[in-house]
Amino acid sequence: MAEIVRYCKGVLQRGVKESLKTLYYTGELKFGDLIGTDKVGNRYFENKEEIYGRHRWVEYANRSDPDPTTIPPEWHSWIHHMSDKPGSEMLAYSPIYKREHLANPTGTDNAYMPTKYLFNIEQQKLKEEEEEKKH
């Protein structure tokens, strides 16, 4: 019965269309106060009526491909209860030498590969063979 009440509150807060999208992508429908949004477009929510540990959550900007590495450090500290101040307030404490946050590139073309890595050696051999065929 409590789940039905929870779903009804969520539908009232978000609307039917947005509730169905959230239910489709996340598998659950939560409602709560919007605490803030980061530069990427991730939205951060809090509902203190939820069980502790599940009362803060993030809805990723790209719902079809959620990537936790897109959460910047200031919001990471809030979502993991290291700080009670949301990320928008934590920006004031960030050092002047801080770099822009980058998502983890593992598994993409931007991932680091050492020069002596076997894949790089094979790629170099293929390039040399193609150059010889052209000449």
N, C-alpha and C. Protein backbone atom coordinates (compact mmCIF):
# COMPACT_ATOMS: atom_id res chain seq x y z
N MET A 1 0.82 -1.20 0.00
CA MET A 1 0.00 0.00 0.00
C MET A 1 0.86 1.26 0.00
N ALA A 2 1.97 1.18 0.75
CA ALA A 2 2.86 2.34 0.82
C ALA A 2 3.48 2.64 -0.54
N GLU A 3 3.73 1.59 -1.33
CA GLU A 3 4.31 1.79 -2.65
C GLU A 3 3.34 2.53 -3.57
N ILE A 4 2.06 2.24 -3.45
CA ILE A 4 1.06 2.91 -4.29
C ILE A 4 1.00 4.39 -3.95
N VAL A 5 1.04 4.70 -2.66
CA VAL A 5 1.03 6.10 -2.23
C VAL A 5 2.29 6.80 -2.74
N ARG A 6 3.41 6.11 -2.66
CA ARG A 6 4.68 6.68 -3.13
C ARG A 6 4.63 6.97 -4.62
N TYR A 7 4.11 6.02 -5.40
CA TYR A 7 4.00 6.23 -6.85
C TYR A 7 3.05 7.38 -7.17
N CYS A 8 1.96 7.48 -6.44
CA CYS A 8 1.01 8.57 -6.67
C CYS A 8 1.64 9.93 -6.39
N LYS A 9 2.43 10.03 -5.32
CA LYS A 9 3.12 11.28 -5.02
C LYS A 9 4.12 11.62 -6.13
N GLY A 10 4.81 10.61 -6.61
CA GLY A 10 5.77 10.82 -7.68
C GLY A 10 5.11 11.29 -8.96
N VAL A 11 3.95 10.72 -9.30
CA VAL A 11 3.22 11.12 -10.50
C VAL A 11 2.69 12.54 -10.34
N LEU A 12 2.21 12.89 -9.15
CA LEU A 12 1.73 14.25 -8.93
C LEU A 12 2.85 15.28 -9.05
N GLN A 13 4.04 14.93 -8.60
CA GLN A 13 5.15 15.87 -8.66
C GLN A 13 5.68 16.03 -10.07
N ARG A 14 5.83 14.94 -10.80
CA ARG A 14 6.49 14.97 -12.10
C ARG A 14 5.55 15.06 -13.28
N GLY A 15 4.34 14.58 -13.12
CA GLY A 15 3.44 14.47 -14.26
C GLY A 15 3.51 13.06 -14.82
N VAL A 16 2.52 12.68 -15.61
CA VAL A 16 2.42 11.30 -16.10
C VAL A 16 3.55 10.97 -17.07
N LYS A 17 3.78 11.84 -18.05
CA LYS A 17 4.78 11.55 -19.08
C LYS A 17 6.18 11.43 -18.48
N GLU A 18 6.57 12.38 -17.65
CA GLU A 18 7.90 12.35 -17.03
C GLU A 18 8.03 11.17 -16.06
N SER A 19 6.96 10.81 -15.39
CA SER A 19 6.98 9.66 -14.48
C SER A 19 7.20 8.37 -15.25
N LEU A 20 6.55 8.22 -16.39
CA LEU A 20 6.73 7.02 -17.20
C LEU A 20 8.16 6.92 -17.74
N LYS A 21 8.72 8.06 -18.15
CA LYS A 21 10.12 8.06 -18.62
C LYS A 21 11.06 7.62 -17.51
N THR A 22 10.88 8.19 -16.32
CA THR A 22 11.73 7.86 -15.19
C THR A 22 11.58 6.39 -14.81
N LEU A 23 10.38 5.91 -14.80
CA LEU A 23 10.11 4.51 -14.47
C LEU A 23 10.74 3.58 -15.50
N TYR A 24 10.71 3.97 -16.77
CA TYR A 24 11.28 3.15 -17.84
C TYR A 24 12.80 3.08 -17.71
N TYR A 25 13.46 4.22 -17.48
CA TYR A 25 14.92 4.24 -17.46
C TYR A 25 15.53 3.78 -16.15
N THR A 26 14.90 4.08 -15.01
CA THR A 26 15.51 3.73 -13.73
C THR A 26 14.86 2.53 -13.05
N GLY A 27 13.66 2.19 -13.41
CA GLY A 27 12.99 1.05 -12.80
C GLY A 27 12.28 1.39 -11.50
N GLU A 28 12.35 2.62 -11.06
CA GLU A 28 11.63 3.04 -9.87
C GLU A 28 11.25 4.51 -10.01
N LEU A 29 10.27 4.90 -9.23
CA LEU A 29 9.78 6.26 -9.30
C LEU A 29 9.93 6.89 -7.92
N LYS A 30 10.83 7.85 -7.83
CA LYS A 30 11.05 8.55 -6.57
C LYS A 30 10.58 9.98 -6.73
N PHE A 31 10.27 10.60 -5.63
CA PHE A 31 9.93 12.01 -5.63
C PHE A 31 10.72 12.68 -4.51
N GLY A 32 11.02 13.93 -4.71
CA GLY A 32 11.77 14.67 -3.71
C GLY A 32 12.07 16.07 -4.18
N ASP A 33 12.81 16.79 -3.37
CA ASP A 33 13.15 18.17 -3.68
C ASP A 33 14.37 18.20 -4.59
N LEU A 34 14.31 19.03 -5.63
CA LEU A 34 15.45 19.24 -6.50
C LEU A 34 16.46 20.11 -5.75
N ILE A 35 17.63 19.56 -5.48
CA ILE A 35 18.66 20.27 -4.74
C ILE A 35 19.51 21.12 -5.68
N GLY A 36 19.81 20.60 -6.85
CA GLY A 36 20.62 21.35 -7.79
C GLY A 36 20.91 20.59 -9.06
N THR A 37 21.60 21.28 -9.96
CA THR A 37 21.98 20.72 -11.25
C THR A 37 23.44 21.07 -11.50
N ASP A 38 24.19 20.14 -12.07
CA ASP A 38 25.59 20.44 -12.37
C ASP A 38 25.76 20.89 -13.82
N LYS A 39 27.01 21.13 -14.22
CA LYS A 39 27.29 21.65 -15.56
C LYS A 39 26.90 20.66 -16.66
N VAL A 40 26.98 19.38 -16.38
CA VAL A 40 26.67 18.36 -17.38
C VAL A 40 25.16 18.25 -17.61
N GLY A 41 24.37 18.60 -16.60
CA GLY A 41 22.92 18.51 -16.69
C GLY A 41 22.33 17.47 -15.77
N ASN A 42 23.17 16.80 -14.97
CA ASN A 42 22.67 15.85 -13.98
C ASN A 42 21.88 16.61 -12.92
N ARG A 43 20.75 16.02 -12.49
CA ARG A 43 19.92 16.66 -11.47
C ARG A 43 20.00 15.86 -10.18
N TYR A 44 20.09 16.55 -9.06
CA TYR A 44 20.28 15.92 -7.75
C TYR A 44 19.06 16.18 -6.88
N PHE A 45 18.56 15.11 -6.27
CA PHE A 45 17.33 15.17 -5.48
C PHE A 45 17.58 14.65 -4.08
N GLU A 46 16.67 15.06 -3.17
CA GLU A 46 16.70 14.58 -1.79
C GLU A 46 15.28 14.48 -1.26
N ASN A 47 15.00 13.38 -0.56
CA ASN A 47 13.72 13.19 0.10
C ASN A 47 14.02 12.56 1.45
N LYS A 48 13.86 13.32 2.50
CA LYS A 48 14.22 12.84 3.83
C LYS A 48 13.22 11.83 4.40
N GLU A 49 12.12 11.59 3.71
CA GLU A 49 11.17 10.57 4.15
C GLU A 49 11.62 9.18 3.71
N GLU A 50 12.54 9.13 2.77
CA GLU A 50 13.07 7.84 2.30
C GLU A 50 14.01 7.25 3.35
N ILE A 51 14.36 6.00 3.17
CA ILE A 51 15.31 5.32 4.05
C ILE A 51 16.67 5.98 3.90
N TYR A 52 17.41 6.12 5.01
CA TYR A 52 18.74 6.73 4.96
C TYR A 52 19.62 5.90 4.02
N GLY A 53 20.32 6.57 3.16
CA GLY A 53 21.15 5.90 2.17
C GLY A 53 20.47 5.85 0.80
N ARG A 54 19.15 6.01 0.81
CA ARG A 54 18.39 6.06 -0.44
C ARG A 54 17.65 7.39 -0.57
N HIS A 55 17.96 8.31 0.31
CA HIS A 55 17.23 9.57 0.30
C HIS A 55 17.88 10.64 -0.58
N ARG A 56 19.08 10.38 -1.10
CA ARG A 56 19.72 11.27 -2.07
C ARG A 56 19.99 10.48 -3.33
N TRP A 57 19.68 11.07 -4.45
CA TRP A 57 19.93 10.38 -5.71
C TRP A 57 20.17 11.37 -6.83
N VAL A 58 20.69 10.84 -7.93
CA VAL A 58 20.99 11.65 -9.10
C VAL A 58 20.22 11.09 -10.29
N GLU A 59 19.72 11.98 -11.11
CA GLU A 59 19.13 11.59 -12.39
C GLU A 59 20.05 12.14 -13.46
N TYR A 60 20.66 11.24 -14.20
CA TYR A 60 21.67 11.61 -15.17
C TYR A 60 21.07 12.35 -16.35
N ALA A 61 21.87 13.23 -16.94
CA ALA A 61 21.42 14.01 -18.09
C ALA A 61 21.12 13.09 -19.27
N ASN A 62 21.96 12.09 -19.47
CA ASN A 62 21.73 11.11 -20.53
C ASN A 62 21.11 9.87 -19.90
N ARG A 63 19.81 9.81 -19.92
CA ARG A 63 19.10 8.73 -19.22
C ARG A 63 19.35 7.37 -19.85
N SER A 64 19.51 7.32 -21.16
CA SER A 64 19.66 6.03 -21.83
C SER A 64 21.04 5.43 -21.59
N ASP A 65 22.03 6.25 -21.22
CA ASP A 65 23.38 5.76 -20.96
C ASP A 65 23.93 6.45 -19.70
N PRO A 66 23.43 6.07 -18.53
CA PRO A 66 23.89 6.73 -17.30
C PRO A 66 25.35 6.39 -17.02
N ASP A 67 26.13 7.41 -16.72
CA ASP A 67 27.55 7.22 -16.44
C ASP A 67 27.90 7.90 -15.13
N PRO A 68 28.15 7.13 -14.07
CA PRO A 68 28.45 7.73 -12.77
C PRO A 68 29.72 8.58 -12.76
N THR A 69 30.61 8.39 -13.73
CA THR A 69 31.84 9.19 -13.73
C THR A 69 31.59 10.61 -14.20
N THR A 70 30.37 10.94 -14.61
CA THR A 70 30.06 12.32 -14.99
C THR A 70 29.71 13.19 -13.79
N ILE A 71 29.61 12.58 -12.61
CA ILE A 71 29.32 13.35 -11.39
C ILE A 71 30.59 14.09 -10.97
N PRO A 72 30.55 15.43 -10.92
CA PRO A 72 31.74 16.18 -10.51
C PRO A 72 32.04 15.99 -9.02
N PRO A 73 33.28 16.26 -8.60
CA PRO A 73 33.69 15.99 -7.20
C PRO A 73 32.83 16.68 -6.15
N GLU A 74 32.41 17.92 -6.41
CA GLU A 74 31.64 18.63 -5.39
C GLU A 74 30.28 17.97 -5.16
N TRP A 75 29.67 17.42 -6.21
CA TRP A 75 28.40 16.73 -6.04
C TRP A 75 28.63 15.30 -5.53
N HIS A 76 29.78 14.73 -5.84
CA HIS A 76 30.10 13.40 -5.33
C HIS A 76 30.14 13.41 -3.81
N SER A 77 30.72 14.46 -3.24
CA SER A 77 30.78 14.53 -1.77
C SER A 77 29.40 14.66 -1.16
N TRP A 78 28.49 15.33 -1.85
CA TRP A 78 27.13 15.47 -1.31
C TRP A 78 26.36 14.15 -1.44
N ILE A 79 26.44 13.52 -2.59
CA ILE A 79 25.65 12.31 -2.84
C ILE A 79 26.11 11.14 -1.95
N HIS A 80 27.40 11.16 -1.54
CA HIS A 80 27.94 10.09 -0.69
C HIS A 80 28.04 10.50 0.77
N HIS A 81 27.32 11.56 1.15
CA HIS A 81 27.20 12.00 2.55
C HIS A 81 28.53 12.40 3.19
N MET A 82 29.51 12.82 2.39
CA MET A 82 30.74 13.35 2.95
C MET A 82 30.55 14.81 3.35
N SER A 83 29.55 15.44 2.74
CA SER A 83 29.25 16.84 3.03
C SER A 83 27.74 17.03 2.99
N ASP A 84 27.25 17.89 3.85
CA ASP A 84 25.83 18.21 3.82
C ASP A 84 25.55 19.39 2.90
N LYS A 85 26.62 20.05 2.44
CA LYS A 85 26.44 21.17 1.52
C LYS A 85 26.36 20.63 0.09
N PRO A 86 25.35 21.06 -0.66
CA PRO A 86 25.25 20.60 -2.06
C PRO A 86 26.41 21.14 -2.89
N GLY A 87 26.58 20.57 -4.06
CA GLY A 87 27.69 20.92 -4.93
C GLY A 87 27.75 22.38 -5.31
N SER A 88 26.60 23.03 -5.44
CA SER A 88 26.59 24.44 -5.81
C SER A 88 27.25 25.29 -4.72
N GLU A 89 27.13 24.89 -3.46
CA GLU A 89 27.78 25.62 -2.37
C GLU A 89 29.24 25.22 -2.23
N MET A 90 29.59 24.01 -2.62
CA MET A 90 30.97 23.53 -2.50
C MET A 90 31.89 24.17 -3.52
N LEU A 91 31.34 24.72 -4.60
CA LEU A 91 32.17 25.36 -5.62
C LEU A 91 32.95 26.53 -5.05
N ALA A 92 32.43 27.17 -4.03
CA ALA A 92 33.12 28.29 -3.41
C ALA A 92 34.42 27.85 -2.73
N TYR A 93 34.49 26.57 -2.34
CA TYR A 93 35.67 26.06 -1.66
C TYR A 93 36.68 25.42 -2.61
N SER A 94 36.39 25.38 -3.89
CA SER A 94 37.30 24.71 -4.82
C SER A 94 38.54 25.57 -5.06
N PRO A 95 39.71 24.93 -5.17
CA PRO A 95 40.94 25.70 -5.35
C PRO A 95 41.03 26.32 -6.75
N ILE A 96 41.86 27.34 -6.87
CA ILE A 96 41.97 28.04 -8.15
C ILE A 96 42.69 27.19 -9.20
N TYR A 97 43.47 26.22 -8.78
CA TYR A 97 44.24 25.40 -9.71
C TYR A 97 43.46 24.15 -10.16
N LYS A 98 42.22 24.04 -9.79
CA LYS A 98 41.42 22.85 -10.10
C LYS A 98 41.16 22.74 -11.61
N ARG A 99 41.34 21.53 -12.15
CA ARG A 99 41.06 21.27 -13.56
C ARG A 99 39.58 20.97 -13.73
N GLU A 100 39.11 21.06 -14.96
CA GLU A 100 37.74 20.69 -15.28
C GLU A 100 37.58 19.19 -15.09
N HIS A 101 36.41 18.77 -14.61
CA HIS A 101 36.13 17.36 -14.39
C HIS A 101 35.95 16.65 -15.72
N LEU A 102 36.58 15.49 -15.87
CA LEU A 102 36.45 14.67 -17.06
C LEU A 102 35.86 13.33 -16.68
N ALA A 103 34.99 12.82 -17.52
CA ALA A 103 34.44 11.49 -17.28
C ALA A 103 35.53 10.46 -17.55
N ASN A 104 35.40 9.29 -16.97
CA ASN A 104 36.38 8.22 -17.14
C ASN A 104 36.36 7.74 -18.60
N PRO A 105 37.50 7.82 -19.32
CA PRO A 105 37.51 7.44 -20.73
C PRO A 105 37.77 5.97 -20.98
N THR A 106 37.82 5.13 -19.95
CA THR A 106 38.10 3.72 -20.13
C THR A 106 37.09 3.09 -21.09
N GLY A 107 37.61 2.34 -22.05
CA GLY A 107 36.75 1.67 -23.02
C GLY A 107 36.41 2.53 -24.23
N THR A 108 36.94 3.74 -24.29
CA THR A 108 36.70 4.62 -25.43
C THR A 108 38.01 4.82 -26.19
N ASP A 109 37.95 5.55 -27.28
CA ASP A 109 39.15 5.84 -28.06
C ASP A 109 40.09 6.79 -27.32
N ASN A 110 39.60 7.50 -26.33
CA ASN A 110 40.43 8.43 -25.57
C ASN A 110 41.16 7.78 -24.41
N ALA A 111 40.97 6.49 -24.21
CA ALA A 111 41.60 5.80 -23.09
C ALA A 111 43.12 5.75 -23.29
N TYR A 112 43.85 5.77 -22.20
CA TYR A 112 45.31 5.72 -22.26
C TYR A 112 45.77 4.33 -22.65
N MET A 113 46.73 4.28 -23.57
CA MET A 113 47.39 3.03 -23.92
C MET A 113 48.88 3.29 -23.98
N PRO A 114 49.68 2.51 -23.28
CA PRO A 114 51.13 2.72 -23.35
C PRO A 114 51.64 2.48 -24.77
N THR A 115 52.77 3.10 -25.11
CA THR A 115 53.29 2.99 -26.47
C THR A 115 53.74 1.57 -26.81
N LYS A 116 54.20 0.80 -25.85
CA LYS A 116 54.66 -0.56 -26.10
C LYS A 116 53.54 -1.60 -25.97
N TYR A 117 52.32 -1.13 -25.89
CA TYR A 117 51.18 -2.03 -25.78
C TYR A 117 51.03 -2.82 -27.08
N LEU A 118 50.70 -4.08 -26.99
CA LEU A 118 50.64 -4.97 -28.16
C LEU A 118 49.72 -4.44 -29.24
N PHE A 119 48.59 -3.89 -28.85
CA PHE A 119 47.63 -3.37 -29.83
C PHE A 119 48.26 -2.22 -30.62
N ASN A 120 49.00 -1.35 -29.95
CA ASN A 120 49.65 -0.24 -30.64
C ASN A 120 50.73 -0.73 -31.59
N ILE A 121 51.46 -1.76 -31.22
CA ILE A 121 52.50 -2.32 -32.09
C ILE A 121 51.85 -2.89 -33.35
N GLU A 122 50.75 -3.61 -33.18
CA GLU A 122 50.05 -4.18 -34.34
C GLU A 122 49.49 -3.09 -35.24
N GLN A 123 48.96 -2.03 -34.66
CA GLN A 123 48.44 -0.91 -35.45
C GLN A 123 49.57 -0.26 -36.25
N GLN A 124 50.73 -0.11 -35.64
CA GLN A 124 51.87 0.48 -36.32
C GLN A 124 52.30 -0.39 -37.49
N LYS A 125 52.32 -1.71 -37.31
CA LYS A 125 52.69 -2.63 -38.39
C LYS A 125 51.70 -2.52 -39.55
N LEU A 126 50.41 -2.42 -39.25
CA LEU A 126 49.40 -2.28 -40.30
C LEU A 126 49.59 -0.98 -41.07
N LYS A 127 49.90 0.09 -40.39
CA LYS A 127 50.14 1.37 -41.07
C LYS A 127 51.35 1.28 -41.99
N GLU A 128 52.41 0.63 -41.52
CA GLU A 128 53.62 0.49 -42.35
C GLU A 128 53.34 -0.36 -43.59
N GLU A 129 52.54 -1.41 -43.43
CA GLU A 129 52.19 -2.27 -44.57
C GLU A 129 51.35 -1.49 -45.59
N GLU A 130 50.42 -0.67 -45.11
CA GLU A 130 49.60 0.13 -46.03
C GLU A 130 50.45 1.14 -46.79
N GLU A 131 51.45 1.73 -46.11
CA GLU A 131 52.33 2.69 -46.77
C GLU A 131 53.16 2.01 -47.85
N GLU A 132 53.62 0.78 -47.57
CA GLU A 132 54.41 0.03 -48.56
C GLU A 132 53.58 -0.33 -49.77
N LYS A 133 52.29 -0.66 -49.56
CA LYS A 133 51.40 -0.99 -50.68
C LYS A 133 51.14 0.22 -51.56
N LYS A 134 51.11 1.40 -50.96
CA LYS A 134 50.86 2.63 -51.72
C LYS A 134 52.05 2.97 -52.62
N HIS A 135 53.26 2.61 -52.18
CA HIS A 135 54.46 2.96 -52.94
C HIS A 135 54.74 1.95 -53.96
